[in-house]
Amino acid sequence: MHKIAEPSILYFGTPVVLISTVNENGSYNVAPISSIFWLGWRCIIGISAFSKTTENLLRNREGVLNLPSVHQAGQVNALALTTGSDPVPAGKLQKGYRHVSDKFALAHLTPGASETVSAPRVMECPVQMEVVVEDVHSLAAKDEALKGKILTLELRVQRVHLEESIIMEGHPDRVDPDKWRPLMMSFQEFYGLGEKIHSSRLATIPERLYQTVDILRSKEKMAG
């Protein structure tokens, strides 16, 4: 029997992403989010309008999306309740956040050079995607009580870096889902994916049929 409920959050299960950006003084920031979805080589993220990551993305219009595996859970957790903003925004202060100027050092993460953006890659993460900001929208823009507090950013991927251990054998441009174990967030707790439970008819569609013009743009960026 189903019952009417009012959960304060609706995080039923989404991948954890570490977003790395460049601060105004040239130092690096890295922060975890878990509000994200992809379509082609573009994605939408949901993020607080008052975070340091948001400030950096809006100023520089670029960053890196780093996807940790279950093996980086401890390092991701070290970043929890920290912010690059100083002073700490009131809403985060209420939740127990503290300012940390060097979050890479705090979480024992290694910054690595990117190819198309100035933001660093997180070298411990098996997946790293260099992105640029294409568009910005305010969530609940028509609601006077909520508008301006949360933003949705459309990001376009310019370069994808994959750890060799998760690439499908014989297919250098495909991730093997039997090898890739992303870190997931479900109702504020960390989880991982288990083994495949059923084959999918969608898997019969060649992945190349999902390619968009954004992949061609990324190749032009490499050539340039």
N, C-alpha and C. Protein backbone atom coordinates (compact mmCIF):
# COMPACT_ATOMS: atom_id res chain seq x y z
N MET A 1 0.84 -1.19 0.00
CA MET A 1 0.00 0.00 0.00
C MET A 1 0.89 1.25 0.00
N HIS A 2 0.57 2.19 -0.88
CA HIS A 2 1.29 3.45 -0.92
C HIS A 2 0.67 4.45 0.05
N LYS A 3 1.50 5.33 0.59
CA LYS A 3 1.04 6.36 1.51
C LYS A 3 1.55 7.72 1.05
N ILE A 4 0.79 8.74 1.29
CA ILE A 4 1.21 10.10 1.00
C ILE A 4 2.35 10.47 1.96
N ALA A 5 3.44 11.01 1.42
CA ALA A 5 4.58 11.39 2.24
C ALA A 5 5.13 12.73 1.77
N GLU A 6 5.92 13.37 2.60
CA GLU A 6 6.51 14.67 2.27
C GLU A 6 8.00 14.68 2.58
N PRO A 7 8.80 13.86 1.86
CA PRO A 7 10.25 13.89 2.10
C PRO A 7 10.83 15.25 1.73
N SER A 8 11.76 15.74 2.56
CA SER A 8 12.33 17.06 2.33
C SER A 8 13.26 17.08 1.13
N ILE A 9 13.85 15.93 0.80
CA ILE A 9 14.70 15.83 -0.38
C ILE A 9 14.23 14.64 -1.21
N LEU A 10 14.50 14.69 -2.50
CA LEU A 10 14.08 13.63 -3.41
C LEU A 10 15.28 13.06 -4.16
N TYR A 11 16.35 12.79 -3.43
CA TYR A 11 17.55 12.20 -4.02
C TYR A 11 17.41 10.68 -4.01
N PHE A 12 16.71 10.14 -4.98
CA PHE A 12 16.46 8.70 -5.01
C PHE A 12 17.68 7.92 -5.51
N GLY A 13 18.65 8.61 -6.06
CA GLY A 13 19.87 7.95 -6.52
C GLY A 13 20.44 8.64 -7.74
N THR A 14 21.54 9.38 -7.56
CA THR A 14 22.18 10.08 -8.65
C THR A 14 23.70 9.97 -8.49
N PRO A 15 24.45 10.10 -9.59
CA PRO A 15 25.91 9.97 -9.47
C PRO A 15 26.53 11.18 -8.78
N VAL A 16 27.59 10.93 -8.04
CA VAL A 16 28.35 12.00 -7.42
C VAL A 16 29.33 12.57 -8.44
N VAL A 17 29.45 13.88 -8.47
CA VAL A 17 30.38 14.55 -9.39
C VAL A 17 31.21 15.55 -8.58
N LEU A 18 32.52 15.54 -8.82
CA LEU A 18 33.39 16.57 -8.26
C LEU A 18 33.62 17.61 -9.34
N ILE A 19 33.18 18.84 -9.10
CA ILE A 19 33.39 19.92 -10.06
C ILE A 19 34.62 20.70 -9.67
N SER A 20 35.60 20.77 -10.55
CA SER A 20 36.80 21.55 -10.29
C SER A 20 36.76 22.83 -11.11
N THR A 21 37.10 23.94 -10.46
CA THR A 21 37.06 25.26 -11.09
C THR A 21 38.27 26.07 -10.62
N VAL A 22 38.41 27.25 -11.21
CA VAL A 22 39.52 28.14 -10.85
C VAL A 22 38.96 29.36 -10.12
N ASN A 23 39.55 29.65 -8.95
CA ASN A 23 39.16 30.82 -8.17
C ASN A 23 39.69 32.11 -8.80
N GLU A 24 39.21 33.24 -8.32
CA GLU A 24 39.60 34.53 -8.87
C GLU A 24 41.10 34.82 -8.69
N ASN A 25 41.72 34.18 -7.69
CA ASN A 25 43.15 34.40 -7.46
C ASN A 25 44.03 33.37 -8.16
N GLY A 26 43.41 32.50 -8.99
CA GLY A 26 44.16 31.49 -9.72
C GLY A 26 44.30 30.17 -9.02
N SER A 27 43.90 30.08 -7.75
CA SER A 27 43.94 28.80 -7.04
C SER A 27 42.77 27.92 -7.48
N TYR A 28 42.77 26.68 -7.05
CA TYR A 28 41.76 25.73 -7.50
C TYR A 28 40.71 25.45 -6.43
N ASN A 29 39.50 25.18 -6.89
CA ASN A 29 38.41 24.76 -6.01
C ASN A 29 37.86 23.44 -6.53
N VAL A 30 37.41 22.59 -5.62
CA VAL A 30 36.76 21.34 -6.02
C VAL A 30 35.63 21.08 -5.04
N ALA A 31 34.47 20.71 -5.58
CA ALA A 31 33.29 20.53 -4.74
C ALA A 31 32.40 19.42 -5.28
N PRO A 32 31.76 18.66 -4.39
CA PRO A 32 30.86 17.59 -4.84
C PRO A 32 29.44 18.08 -5.06
N ILE A 33 28.81 17.56 -6.11
CA ILE A 33 27.38 17.76 -6.33
C ILE A 33 26.79 16.41 -6.73
N SER A 34 25.46 16.32 -6.71
CA SER A 34 24.82 15.10 -7.19
C SER A 34 23.49 15.39 -7.88
N SER A 35 23.34 16.62 -8.35
CA SER A 35 22.16 16.99 -9.15
C SER A 35 22.64 17.19 -10.58
N ILE A 36 22.53 16.15 -11.40
CA ILE A 36 23.09 16.21 -12.75
C ILE A 36 22.45 15.16 -13.63
N PHE A 37 22.27 15.50 -14.91
CA PHE A 37 21.90 14.48 -15.90
C PHE A 37 22.47 14.89 -17.24
N TRP A 38 22.70 13.86 -18.09
CA TRP A 38 23.33 14.06 -19.40
C TRP A 38 22.38 13.79 -20.54
N LEU A 39 22.56 14.53 -21.62
CA LEU A 39 21.92 14.26 -22.91
C LEU A 39 22.98 14.53 -23.97
N GLY A 40 23.44 13.48 -24.64
CA GLY A 40 24.53 13.66 -25.58
C GLY A 40 25.78 14.13 -24.86
N TRP A 41 26.45 15.11 -25.46
CA TRP A 41 27.64 15.68 -24.84
C TRP A 41 27.30 16.98 -24.11
N ARG A 42 26.09 17.05 -23.61
CA ARG A 42 25.67 18.17 -22.78
C ARG A 42 25.05 17.62 -21.49
N CYS A 43 25.08 18.44 -20.46
CA CYS A 43 24.46 18.03 -19.21
C CYS A 43 23.86 19.24 -18.52
N ILE A 44 22.99 18.96 -17.59
CA ILE A 44 22.37 19.98 -16.75
C ILE A 44 22.74 19.69 -15.31
N ILE A 45 23.25 20.71 -14.62
CA ILE A 45 23.51 20.56 -13.20
C ILE A 45 22.62 21.52 -12.43
N GLY A 46 22.25 21.11 -11.24
CA GLY A 46 21.53 21.99 -10.32
C GLY A 46 22.48 22.34 -9.18
N ILE A 47 22.59 23.63 -8.85
CA ILE A 47 23.59 24.05 -7.88
C ILE A 47 23.15 25.33 -7.19
N SER A 48 23.57 25.50 -5.95
CA SER A 48 23.24 26.71 -5.20
C SER A 48 23.82 27.93 -5.90
N ALA A 49 23.05 28.99 -5.92
CA ALA A 49 23.50 30.23 -6.54
C ALA A 49 24.58 30.91 -5.71
N PHE A 50 24.77 30.45 -4.47
CA PHE A 50 25.67 31.13 -3.55
C PHE A 50 26.96 30.36 -3.29
N SER A 51 27.24 29.33 -4.07
CA SER A 51 28.44 28.53 -3.84
C SER A 51 29.65 29.11 -4.58
N LYS A 52 30.83 28.75 -4.11
CA LYS A 52 32.06 29.19 -4.78
C LYS A 52 32.16 28.58 -6.17
N THR A 53 31.72 27.34 -6.30
CA THR A 53 31.74 26.67 -7.60
C THR A 53 30.89 27.44 -8.61
N THR A 54 29.70 27.84 -8.19
CA THR A 54 28.83 28.61 -9.07
C THR A 54 29.47 29.93 -9.46
N GLU A 55 30.04 30.61 -8.48
CA GLU A 55 30.73 31.87 -8.75
C GLU A 55 31.82 31.69 -9.79
N ASN A 56 32.61 30.63 -9.64
CA ASN A 56 33.71 30.38 -10.58
C ASN A 56 33.20 30.02 -11.97
N LEU A 57 32.16 29.18 -12.03
CA LEU A 57 31.61 28.78 -13.33
C LEU A 57 31.03 29.97 -14.08
N LEU A 58 30.36 30.85 -13.37
CA LEU A 58 29.75 32.01 -14.02
C LEU A 58 30.81 33.03 -14.46
N ARG A 59 31.90 33.10 -13.72
CA ARG A 59 32.95 34.05 -14.09
C ARG A 59 33.81 33.53 -15.23
N ASN A 60 34.26 32.28 -15.12
CA ASN A 60 35.18 31.72 -16.11
C ASN A 60 34.49 30.98 -17.25
N ARG A 61 33.23 30.58 -17.03
CA ARG A 61 32.43 29.85 -18.04
C ARG A 61 33.04 28.51 -18.41
N GLU A 62 33.74 27.87 -17.47
CA GLU A 62 34.35 26.58 -17.74
C GLU A 62 34.68 25.85 -16.44
N GLY A 63 34.89 24.54 -16.56
CA GLY A 63 35.26 23.73 -15.41
C GLY A 63 35.49 22.30 -15.86
N VAL A 64 35.64 21.40 -14.89
CA VAL A 64 35.81 19.98 -15.19
C VAL A 64 34.86 19.18 -14.30
N LEU A 65 34.11 18.25 -14.91
CA LEU A 65 33.26 17.32 -14.17
C LEU A 65 34.05 16.03 -13.98
N ASN A 66 34.36 15.71 -12.75
CA ASN A 66 35.13 14.52 -12.42
C ASN A 66 34.22 13.52 -11.72
N LEU A 67 34.14 12.30 -12.28
CA LEU A 67 33.27 11.29 -11.70
C LEU A 67 34.08 10.31 -10.87
N PRO A 68 33.90 10.31 -9.54
CA PRO A 68 34.61 9.36 -8.69
C PRO A 68 33.96 7.98 -8.75
N SER A 69 34.76 6.97 -8.50
CA SER A 69 34.22 5.62 -8.36
C SER A 69 33.98 5.36 -6.88
N VAL A 70 33.50 4.18 -6.57
CA VAL A 70 33.26 3.82 -5.16
C VAL A 70 34.56 3.86 -4.36
N HIS A 71 35.69 3.76 -5.04
CA HIS A 71 36.98 3.74 -4.34
C HIS A 71 37.39 5.13 -3.82
N GLN A 72 36.74 6.19 -4.29
CA GLN A 72 37.06 7.54 -3.83
C GLN A 72 36.05 8.08 -2.82
N ALA A 73 35.21 7.22 -2.27
CA ALA A 73 34.16 7.67 -1.35
C ALA A 73 34.73 8.44 -0.17
N GLY A 74 35.82 7.96 0.41
CA GLY A 74 36.41 8.63 1.56
C GLY A 74 36.91 10.01 1.23
N GLN A 75 37.51 10.16 0.05
CA GLN A 75 38.02 11.47 -0.35
C GLN A 75 36.88 12.44 -0.65
N VAL A 76 35.82 11.93 -1.26
CA VAL A 76 34.64 12.78 -1.51
C VAL A 76 34.04 13.21 -0.18
N ASN A 77 33.97 12.29 0.76
CA ASN A 77 33.38 12.60 2.06
C ASN A 77 34.18 13.66 2.80
N ALA A 78 35.48 13.71 2.56
CA ALA A 78 36.33 14.71 3.22
C ALA A 78 35.95 16.12 2.79
N LEU A 79 35.33 16.24 1.61
CA LEU A 79 34.94 17.55 1.09
C LEU A 79 33.58 18.00 1.62
N ALA A 80 32.85 17.08 2.24
CA ALA A 80 31.52 17.41 2.74
C ALA A 80 31.59 18.50 3.80
N LEU A 81 30.60 19.38 3.79
CA LEU A 81 30.49 20.47 4.76
C LEU A 81 31.67 21.43 4.70
N THR A 82 32.28 21.56 3.51
CA THR A 82 33.33 22.56 3.30
C THR A 82 32.92 23.46 2.14
N THR A 83 33.44 24.66 2.11
CA THR A 83 33.16 25.59 1.02
C THR A 83 34.38 26.46 0.76
N GLY A 84 34.55 26.84 -0.49
CA GLY A 84 35.62 27.74 -0.85
C GLY A 84 35.24 29.19 -0.63
N SER A 85 34.00 29.44 -0.25
CA SER A 85 33.53 30.81 -0.03
C SER A 85 33.96 31.32 1.34
N ASP A 86 34.42 32.57 1.37
CA ASP A 86 34.83 33.20 2.62
C ASP A 86 34.39 34.66 2.58
N PRO A 87 33.39 35.03 3.41
CA PRO A 87 32.80 34.25 4.49
C PRO A 87 31.86 33.16 3.99
N VAL A 88 31.55 32.22 4.87
CA VAL A 88 30.63 31.13 4.54
C VAL A 88 29.22 31.70 4.41
N PRO A 89 28.52 31.40 3.29
CA PRO A 89 27.15 31.88 3.13
C PRO A 89 26.26 31.45 4.30
N ALA A 90 25.31 32.28 4.65
CA ALA A 90 24.46 32.03 5.82
C ALA A 90 23.78 30.67 5.79
N GLY A 91 23.27 30.29 4.60
CA GLY A 91 22.58 29.01 4.51
C GLY A 91 23.49 27.83 4.78
N LYS A 92 24.73 27.91 4.31
CA LYS A 92 25.69 26.84 4.56
C LYS A 92 26.20 26.87 6.00
N LEU A 93 26.34 28.06 6.55
CA LEU A 93 26.78 28.18 7.93
C LEU A 93 25.78 27.51 8.86
N GLN A 94 24.51 27.65 8.55
CA GLN A 94 23.46 27.03 9.34
C GLN A 94 23.55 25.51 9.30
N LYS A 95 24.05 24.97 8.18
CA LYS A 95 24.16 23.52 8.03
C LYS A 95 25.49 22.97 8.55
N GLY A 96 26.36 23.85 9.04
CA GLY A 96 27.61 23.39 9.62
C GLY A 96 28.81 23.42 8.70
N TYR A 97 28.72 24.14 7.59
CA TYR A 97 29.85 24.24 6.66
C TYR A 97 30.97 25.11 7.24
N ARG A 98 32.21 24.86 6.77
CA ARG A 98 33.35 25.69 7.14
C ARG A 98 34.15 26.03 5.89
N HIS A 99 34.87 27.13 5.96
CA HIS A 99 35.67 27.55 4.81
C HIS A 99 36.98 26.76 4.78
N VAL A 100 37.35 26.27 3.57
CA VAL A 100 38.64 25.62 3.34
C VAL A 100 39.20 26.20 2.06
N SER A 101 40.40 26.75 2.13
CA SER A 101 40.99 27.41 0.96
C SER A 101 41.58 26.41 -0.03
N ASP A 102 42.15 25.30 0.47
CA ASP A 102 42.76 24.30 -0.41
C ASP A 102 42.06 22.95 -0.21
N LYS A 103 40.98 22.75 -0.94
CA LYS A 103 40.21 21.52 -0.76
C LYS A 103 40.86 20.33 -1.45
N PHE A 104 41.69 20.56 -2.45
CA PHE A 104 42.45 19.45 -3.04
C PHE A 104 43.35 18.82 -1.98
N ALA A 105 44.05 19.65 -1.23
CA ALA A 105 44.95 19.14 -0.19
C ALA A 105 44.15 18.46 0.92
N LEU A 106 43.04 19.05 1.30
CA LEU A 106 42.22 18.48 2.37
C LEU A 106 41.80 17.06 2.06
N ALA A 107 41.38 16.81 0.80
CA ALA A 107 40.88 15.49 0.41
C ALA A 107 41.95 14.60 -0.21
N HIS A 108 43.20 15.06 -0.18
CA HIS A 108 44.31 14.30 -0.78
C HIS A 108 44.02 13.96 -2.24
N LEU A 109 43.57 14.98 -2.97
CA LEU A 109 43.30 14.84 -4.39
C LEU A 109 44.40 15.54 -5.19
N THR A 110 44.63 15.05 -6.41
CA THR A 110 45.71 15.57 -7.24
C THR A 110 45.17 16.34 -8.43
N PRO A 111 45.48 17.65 -8.55
CA PRO A 111 45.06 18.39 -9.74
C PRO A 111 45.96 18.08 -10.92
N GLY A 112 45.36 17.91 -12.09
CA GLY A 112 46.12 17.65 -13.32
C GLY A 112 45.69 18.60 -14.41
N ALA A 113 46.58 18.88 -15.33
CA ALA A 113 46.28 19.84 -16.39
C ALA A 113 45.20 19.33 -17.34
N SER A 114 44.31 20.23 -17.73
CA SER A 114 43.30 19.93 -18.74
C SER A 114 43.82 20.37 -20.10
N GLU A 115 43.09 20.02 -21.16
CA GLU A 115 43.53 20.35 -22.51
C GLU A 115 42.78 21.54 -23.10
N THR A 116 41.54 21.75 -22.70
CA THR A 116 40.74 22.80 -23.34
C THR A 116 40.25 23.86 -22.36
N VAL A 117 40.43 23.65 -21.07
CA VAL A 117 39.99 24.62 -20.06
C VAL A 117 41.12 24.83 -19.06
N SER A 118 41.04 25.91 -18.30
CA SER A 118 42.07 26.21 -17.30
C SER A 118 41.84 25.46 -16.00
N ALA A 119 40.62 25.00 -15.75
CA ALA A 119 40.33 24.25 -14.53
C ALA A 119 41.05 22.91 -14.56
N PRO A 120 41.46 22.41 -13.40
CA PRO A 120 42.21 21.15 -13.35
C PRO A 120 41.30 19.92 -13.35
N ARG A 121 41.85 18.83 -13.80
CA ARG A 121 41.19 17.54 -13.64
C ARG A 121 41.54 16.96 -12.28
N VAL A 122 40.68 16.12 -11.73
CA VAL A 122 40.98 15.39 -10.50
C VAL A 122 41.50 14.03 -10.92
N MET A 123 42.80 13.81 -10.77
CA MET A 123 43.45 12.66 -11.37
C MET A 123 43.03 11.33 -10.76
N GLU A 124 42.52 11.33 -9.54
CA GLU A 124 42.06 10.09 -8.91
C GLU A 124 40.75 9.59 -9.50
N CYS A 125 39.99 10.47 -10.16
CA CYS A 125 38.69 10.08 -10.70
C CYS A 125 38.84 9.37 -12.05
N PRO A 126 38.17 8.25 -12.24
CA PRO A 126 38.29 7.49 -13.48
C PRO A 126 37.70 8.19 -14.70
N VAL A 127 36.80 9.15 -14.48
CA VAL A 127 36.18 9.89 -15.58
C VAL A 127 36.36 11.37 -15.34
N GLN A 128 36.83 12.09 -16.36
CA GLN A 128 37.02 13.54 -16.27
C GLN A 128 36.50 14.17 -17.56
N MET A 129 35.63 15.16 -17.42
CA MET A 129 35.02 15.81 -18.58
C MET A 129 35.23 17.31 -18.52
N GLU A 130 35.96 17.84 -19.48
CA GLU A 130 36.17 19.28 -19.56
C GLU A 130 34.93 19.92 -20.18
N VAL A 131 34.40 20.96 -19.51
CA VAL A 131 33.13 21.54 -19.95
C VAL A 131 33.19 23.05 -20.01
N VAL A 132 32.28 23.61 -20.81
CA VAL A 132 32.07 25.05 -20.85
C VAL A 132 30.59 25.32 -20.57
N VAL A 133 30.32 26.48 -20.00
CA VAL A 133 28.95 26.86 -19.68
C VAL A 133 28.26 27.41 -20.92
N GLU A 134 27.14 26.81 -21.29
CA GLU A 134 26.39 27.25 -22.46
C GLU A 134 25.20 28.12 -22.10
N ASP A 135 24.57 27.85 -20.94
CA ASP A 135 23.37 28.62 -20.58
C ASP A 135 23.14 28.50 -19.08
N VAL A 136 22.43 29.48 -18.53
CA VAL A 136 22.14 29.53 -17.10
C VAL A 136 20.67 29.88 -16.90
N HIS A 137 20.00 29.16 -16.03
CA HIS A 137 18.60 29.43 -15.71
C HIS A 137 18.42 29.39 -14.20
N SER A 138 17.46 30.15 -13.72
CA SER A 138 17.11 30.11 -12.31
C SER A 138 15.99 29.10 -12.10
N LEU A 139 16.17 28.18 -11.18
CA LEU A 139 15.11 27.24 -10.85
C LEU A 139 14.00 27.98 -10.11
N ALA A 140 12.77 27.64 -10.43
CA ALA A 140 11.61 28.30 -9.80
C ALA A 140 11.64 29.82 -10.04
N ALA A 141 11.96 30.20 -11.26
CA ALA A 141 12.13 31.63 -11.59
C ALA A 141 10.85 32.45 -11.39
N LYS A 142 9.70 31.79 -11.41
CA LYS A 142 8.43 32.51 -11.27
C LYS A 142 7.93 32.52 -9.83
N ASP A 143 8.71 31.91 -8.93
CA ASP A 143 8.32 31.85 -7.52
C ASP A 143 9.12 32.87 -6.72
N GLU A 144 8.46 33.87 -6.18
CA GLU A 144 9.15 34.95 -5.47
C GLU A 144 9.96 34.45 -4.28
N ALA A 145 9.52 33.38 -3.63
CA ALA A 145 10.20 32.87 -2.44
C ALA A 145 11.42 32.03 -2.79
N LEU A 146 11.48 31.50 -4.02
CA LEU A 146 12.53 30.55 -4.37
C LEU A 146 13.48 31.04 -5.45
N LYS A 147 13.03 31.95 -6.32
CA LYS A 147 13.85 32.32 -7.47
C LYS A 147 15.18 32.92 -7.04
N GLY A 148 16.21 32.58 -7.82
CA GLY A 148 17.53 33.12 -7.56
C GLY A 148 18.36 32.34 -6.55
N LYS A 149 17.78 31.34 -5.90
CA LYS A 149 18.50 30.59 -4.89
C LYS A 149 19.21 29.37 -5.47
N ILE A 150 18.60 28.73 -6.46
CA ILE A 150 19.19 27.55 -7.11
C ILE A 150 19.23 27.80 -8.61
N LEU A 151 20.36 27.49 -9.22
CA LEU A 151 20.52 27.68 -10.65
C LEU A 151 20.65 26.33 -11.35
N THR A 152 20.20 26.28 -12.58
CA THR A 152 20.49 25.13 -13.44
C THR A 152 21.40 25.63 -14.55
N LEU A 153 22.53 24.94 -14.71
CA LEU A 153 23.52 25.33 -15.71
C LEU A 153 23.61 24.26 -16.80
N GLU A 154 23.53 24.69 -18.04
CA GLU A 154 23.74 23.79 -19.16
C GLU A 154 25.22 23.82 -19.52
N LEU A 155 25.85 22.65 -19.47
CA LEU A 155 27.28 22.54 -19.74
C LEU A 155 27.51 21.69 -20.99
N ARG A 156 28.47 22.11 -21.82
CA ARG A 156 28.82 21.34 -23.01
C ARG A 156 30.20 20.72 -22.82
N VAL A 157 30.27 19.43 -23.08
CA VAL A 157 31.53 18.69 -22.90
C VAL A 157 32.45 18.94 -24.09
N GLN A 158 33.71 19.24 -23.81
CA GLN A 158 34.70 19.48 -24.86
C GLN A 158 35.76 18.38 -24.94
N ARG A 159 35.97 17.68 -23.85
CA ARG A 159 36.96 16.61 -23.85
C ARG A 159 36.60 15.60 -22.77
N VAL A 160 36.74 14.31 -23.08
CA VAL A 160 36.47 13.24 -22.12
C VAL A 160 37.74 12.43 -21.91
N HIS A 161 38.10 12.24 -20.65
CA HIS A 161 39.26 11.42 -20.28
C HIS A 161 38.76 10.21 -19.50
N LEU A 162 39.14 9.01 -19.95
CA LEU A 162 38.70 7.78 -19.30
C LEU A 162 39.90 6.98 -18.81
N GLU A 163 39.81 6.50 -17.58
CA GLU A 163 40.82 5.58 -17.08
C GLU A 163 40.76 4.28 -17.89
N GLU A 164 41.90 3.78 -18.32
CA GLU A 164 41.95 2.60 -19.19
C GLU A 164 41.20 1.40 -18.61
N SER A 165 41.19 1.28 -17.30
CA SER A 165 40.60 0.11 -16.66
C SER A 165 39.09 0.02 -16.84
N ILE A 166 38.42 1.11 -17.25
CA ILE A 166 36.97 1.06 -17.41
C ILE A 166 36.55 1.08 -18.88
N ILE A 167 37.51 1.10 -19.80
CA ILE A 167 37.19 1.11 -21.23
C ILE A 167 36.86 -0.30 -21.71
N MET A 168 35.85 -0.40 -22.55
CA MET A 168 35.41 -1.69 -23.07
C MET A 168 36.45 -2.26 -24.03
N GLU A 169 36.80 -3.50 -23.85
CA GLU A 169 37.80 -4.14 -24.70
C GLU A 169 37.37 -4.13 -26.16
N GLY A 170 38.25 -3.65 -27.03
CA GLY A 170 37.95 -3.59 -28.46
C GLY A 170 37.14 -2.38 -28.87
N HIS A 171 36.75 -1.53 -27.89
CA HIS A 171 35.94 -0.34 -28.19
C HIS A 171 36.53 0.84 -27.41
N PRO A 172 37.53 1.53 -27.96
CA PRO A 172 38.24 2.58 -27.23
C PRO A 172 37.40 3.78 -26.85
N ASP A 173 36.23 3.93 -27.46
CA ASP A 173 35.37 5.08 -27.15
C ASP A 173 34.16 4.71 -26.30
N ARG A 174 34.19 3.52 -25.69
CA ARG A 174 33.05 3.09 -24.89
C ARG A 174 33.46 2.72 -23.48
N VAL A 175 32.63 3.10 -22.53
CA VAL A 175 32.83 2.69 -21.13
C VAL A 175 32.17 1.34 -20.93
N ASP A 176 32.88 0.43 -20.29
CA ASP A 176 32.33 -0.89 -20.00
C ASP A 176 31.56 -0.82 -18.68
N PRO A 177 30.22 -0.93 -18.73
CA PRO A 177 29.43 -0.80 -17.50
C PRO A 177 29.69 -1.92 -16.50
N ASP A 178 30.29 -3.02 -16.96
CA ASP A 178 30.64 -4.09 -16.03
C ASP A 178 31.91 -3.76 -15.25
N LYS A 179 32.67 -2.77 -15.72
CA LYS A 179 33.91 -2.37 -15.05
C LYS A 179 33.75 -1.06 -14.28
N TRP A 180 32.84 -0.22 -14.73
CA TRP A 180 32.66 1.10 -14.14
C TRP A 180 31.73 1.02 -12.93
N ARG A 181 32.23 1.48 -11.78
CA ARG A 181 31.47 1.45 -10.54
C ARG A 181 31.38 2.88 -9.98
N PRO A 182 30.43 3.67 -10.47
CA PRO A 182 30.32 5.07 -10.03
C PRO A 182 29.86 5.17 -8.57
N LEU A 183 30.29 6.24 -7.93
CA LEU A 183 29.83 6.54 -6.58
C LEU A 183 28.47 7.22 -6.70
N MET A 184 27.49 6.70 -5.98
CA MET A 184 26.13 7.21 -6.06
C MET A 184 25.71 7.85 -4.74
N MET A 185 24.81 8.83 -4.84
CA MET A 185 24.24 9.47 -3.66
C MET A 185 22.75 9.17 -3.61
N SER A 186 22.30 8.62 -2.49
CA SER A 186 20.88 8.34 -2.31
C SER A 186 20.48 8.79 -0.91
N PHE A 187 19.66 9.82 -0.85
CA PHE A 187 19.20 10.38 0.43
C PHE A 187 20.37 10.63 1.38
N GLN A 188 21.37 11.34 0.87
CA GLN A 188 22.54 11.82 1.62
C GLN A 188 23.53 10.72 2.03
N GLU A 189 23.36 9.53 1.50
CA GLU A 189 24.28 8.44 1.82
C GLU A 189 24.95 7.94 0.53
N PHE A 190 26.17 7.39 0.66
CA PHE A 190 26.93 6.88 -0.48
C PHE A 190 26.57 5.42 -0.76
N TYR A 191 26.42 5.12 -2.06
CA TYR A 191 26.17 3.75 -2.49
C TYR A 191 26.94 3.50 -3.79
N GLY A 192 27.02 2.24 -4.18
CA GLY A 192 27.62 1.88 -5.45
C GLY A 192 26.63 1.03 -6.24
N LEU A 193 26.90 0.86 -7.52
CA LEU A 193 26.06 0.01 -8.35
C LEU A 193 26.49 -1.45 -8.22
N GLY A 194 25.53 -2.34 -8.25
CA GLY A 194 25.84 -3.76 -8.22
C GLY A 194 25.98 -4.31 -9.63
N GLU A 195 25.94 -5.62 -9.76
CA GLU A 195 26.05 -6.24 -11.07
C GLU A 195 24.77 -6.02 -11.89
N LYS A 196 24.90 -6.15 -13.19
CA LYS A 196 23.74 -6.01 -14.08
C LYS A 196 22.69 -7.04 -13.70
N ILE A 197 21.44 -6.61 -13.60
CA ILE A 197 20.39 -7.53 -13.20
C ILE A 197 19.54 -8.01 -14.37
N HIS A 198 19.62 -7.32 -15.50
CA HIS A 198 18.80 -7.72 -16.66
C HIS A 198 19.37 -7.04 -17.90
N SER A 199 19.33 -7.73 -19.02
CA SER A 199 19.76 -7.11 -20.26
C SER A 199 18.71 -6.09 -20.71
N SER A 200 19.17 -5.08 -21.47
CA SER A 200 18.28 -4.01 -21.91
C SER A 200 18.19 -3.99 -23.43
N ARG A 201 16.97 -3.82 -23.94
CA ARG A 201 16.79 -3.70 -25.39
C ARG A 201 17.50 -2.47 -25.94
N LEU A 202 17.63 -1.44 -25.12
CA LEU A 202 18.31 -0.23 -25.58
C LEU A 202 19.77 -0.51 -25.92
N ALA A 203 20.34 -1.53 -25.29
CA ALA A 203 21.75 -1.85 -25.52
C ALA A 203 21.99 -2.39 -26.93
N THR A 204 20.93 -2.71 -27.65
CA THR A 204 21.09 -3.19 -29.03
C THR A 204 21.30 -2.04 -30.01
N ILE A 205 21.08 -0.80 -29.55
CA ILE A 205 21.28 0.37 -30.41
C ILE A 205 22.76 0.74 -30.39
N PRO A 206 23.42 0.83 -31.53
CA PRO A 206 24.83 1.24 -31.56
C PRO A 206 25.00 2.62 -30.93
N GLU A 207 26.01 2.75 -30.06
CA GLU A 207 26.20 4.03 -29.37
C GLU A 207 26.47 5.18 -30.33
N ARG A 208 27.07 4.88 -31.50
CA ARG A 208 27.40 5.95 -32.45
C ARG A 208 26.14 6.67 -32.94
N LEU A 209 24.98 6.03 -32.84
CA LEU A 209 23.75 6.67 -33.29
C LEU A 209 23.30 7.78 -32.34
N TYR A 210 23.93 7.86 -31.19
CA TYR A 210 23.61 8.93 -30.24
C TYR A 210 24.55 10.12 -30.38
N GLN A 211 25.51 10.02 -31.27
CA GLN A 211 26.47 11.12 -31.43
C GLN A 211 25.77 12.39 -31.90
N THR A 212 26.26 13.52 -31.38
CA THR A 212 25.71 14.82 -31.78
C THR A 212 26.82 15.68 -32.37
N VAL A 213 26.46 16.84 -32.85
CA VAL A 213 27.42 17.75 -33.45
C VAL A 213 28.45 18.23 -32.42
N ASP A 214 28.13 18.10 -31.12
CA ASP A 214 29.07 18.54 -30.09
C ASP A 214 30.36 17.73 -30.12
N ILE A 215 30.29 16.46 -30.53
CA ILE A 215 31.51 15.66 -30.64
C ILE A 215 32.39 16.21 -31.76
N LEU A 216 31.79 16.62 -32.86
CA LEU A 216 32.55 17.22 -33.95
C LEU A 216 33.19 18.53 -33.49
N ARG A 217 32.47 19.29 -32.67
CA ARG A 217 33.02 20.54 -32.16
C ARG A 217 34.24 20.27 -31.28
N SER A 218 34.19 19.17 -30.51
CA SER A 218 35.31 18.85 -29.63
C SER A 218 36.54 18.49 -30.45
N LYS A 219 36.34 17.84 -31.59
CA LYS A 219 37.46 17.49 -32.46
C LYS A 219 38.06 18.74 -33.10
N GLU A 220 37.19 19.69 -33.45
CA GLU A 220 37.67 20.95 -34.00
C GLU A 220 38.49 21.71 -32.95
N LYS A 221 38.07 21.60 -31.69
CA LYS A 221 38.80 22.25 -30.61
C LYS A 221 40.19 21.64 -30.49
N MET A 222 40.26 20.32 -30.65
CA MET A 222 41.56 19.62 -30.56
C MET A 222 42.46 20.04 -31.72
N ALA A 223 41.88 20.14 -32.92
CA ALA A 223 42.66 20.51 -34.10
C ALA A 223 43.16 21.94 -34.00
N GLY A 224 42.34 22.79 -33.36
CA GLY A 224 42.73 24.18 -33.25
C GLY A 224 43.80 24.42 -32.22
